[in-house]
Amino acid sequence: MTTGHTTESDVSLRDKGTIIHKTELIISNVLRGGVFLSVAVILSGIAFFHTVKFSATAGGFTYPDTSHGLFHGLAQGRPLAIVTLG
């Protein structure tokens, strides 16, 4: 039978639940933002690829498969390195 009174343990459990919920919301928003940023980088790389694909300065169309290749490709402005970064 409940008396209608809240005890100190009820309040602390409610506070913990609120903190956990807020933490979960923060984490989900950060992850969602990362996904949107990744999509934006990939789409910009694809758009850049289509603008330079007929240019002689495109620098080859191979995806970098190492971190060194990725950073080297980014430094040279290669579109597929941008896509890989995303």
Protein backbone atom coordinates (compact mmCIF):
# COMPACT_ATOMS: atom_id res chain seq x y z
CA MET A 1 0.00 0.00 0.00
CA THR A 2 1.38 3.40 -0.92
CA THR A 3 1.08 6.38 1.33
CA GLY A 4 1.46 9.02 -1.36
CA HIS A 5 4.77 10.21 0.02
CA THR A 6 7.96 10.08 -1.97
CA THR A 7 11.00 8.86 -0.24
CA GLU A 8 14.55 10.05 -0.74
CA SER A 9 15.41 6.89 -2.70
CA ASP A 10 12.48 7.51 -5.08
CA VAL A 11 13.77 11.01 -5.81
CA SER A 12 17.35 9.84 -6.38
CA LEU A 13 16.15 7.09 -8.75
CA ARG A 14 14.09 9.63 -10.66
CA ASP A 15 17.10 11.98 -10.86
CA LYS A 16 19.33 9.14 -12.10
CA GLY A 17 16.76 8.27 -14.75
CA THR A 18 16.65 11.88 -15.89
CA ILE A 19 20.44 12.12 -16.06
CA ILE A 20 20.65 8.87 -18.04
CA HIS A 21 17.95 10.06 -20.44
CA LYS A 22 19.70 13.40 -21.00
CA THR A 23 23.01 11.61 -21.55
CA GLU A 24 21.41 9.29 -24.10
CA LEU A 25 19.94 12.28 -25.93
CA ILE A 26 23.32 14.01 -26.07
CA ILE A 27 25.04 10.87 -27.36
CA SER A 28 22.38 10.27 -30.01
CA ASN A 29 22.56 13.88 -31.20
CA VAL A 30 26.37 13.73 -31.46
CA LEU A 31 26.18 10.47 -33.43
CA ARG A 32 23.45 11.86 -35.69
CA GLY A 33 25.55 14.97 -36.34
CA GLY A 34 28.52 12.77 -37.25
CA VAL A 35 26.43 10.84 -39.75
CA PHE A 36 25.19 14.06 -41.36
CA LEU A 37 28.75 15.42 -41.53
CA SER A 38 29.95 12.18 -43.13
CA VAL A 39 27.16 12.29 -45.72
CA ALA A 40 27.99 15.93 -46.50
CA VAL A 41 31.68 15.10 -47.02
CA ILE A 42 30.85 12.11 -49.23
CA LEU A 43 28.39 14.13 -51.33
CA SER A 44 30.85 16.98 -51.75
CA GLY A 45 33.51 14.49 -52.86
CA ILE A 46 31.12 12.96 -55.38
CA ALA A 47 30.16 16.39 -56.71
CA PHE A 48 33.84 17.34 -56.97
CA PHE A 49 34.56 14.04 -58.75
CA HIS A 50 31.93 14.80 -61.37
CA THR A 51 33.30 18.29 -61.97
CA VAL A 52 36.89 17.11 -62.56
CA LYS A 53 36.40 13.66 -64.10
CA PHE A 54 37.03 14.97 -67.60
CA SER A 55 39.94 17.14 -66.53
CA ALA A 56 43.53 16.08 -67.12
CA THR A 57 44.41 17.22 -63.58
CA ALA A 58 42.09 14.76 -61.89
CA GLY A 59 45.07 12.76 -60.67
CA GLY A 60 43.76 9.28 -61.29
CA PHE A 61 40.60 7.63 -60.11
CA THR A 62 41.61 5.09 -57.52
CA TYR A 63 40.37 5.01 -53.95
CA PRO A 64 43.14 5.39 -51.40
CA ASP A 65 43.38 2.24 -49.30
CA THR A 66 45.91 3.35 -46.69
CA SER A 67 45.94 6.31 -44.33
CA HIS A 68 49.08 7.60 -46.06
CA GLY A 69 47.34 7.35 -49.42
CA LEU A 70 44.29 9.10 -48.00
CA PHE A 71 46.25 12.05 -46.62
CA HIS A 72 48.36 12.25 -49.77
CA GLY A 73 45.21 12.27 -51.92
CA LEU A 74 43.58 14.90 -49.74
CA ALA A 75 46.68 17.10 -49.98
CA GLN A 76 46.50 16.82 -53.77
CA GLY A 77 42.76 17.53 -53.81
CA ARG A 78 41.74 14.20 -55.26
CA PRO A 79 37.95 13.75 -55.17
CA LEU A 80 37.99 10.04 -54.31
CA ALA A 81 40.16 10.78 -51.28
CA ILE A 82 37.45 13.20 -50.14
CA VAL A 83 34.82 10.48 -50.61
CA THR A 84 37.01 8.03 -48.66
CA LEU A 85 37.42 10.57 -45.86
CA GLY A 86 33.63 10.70 -45.51
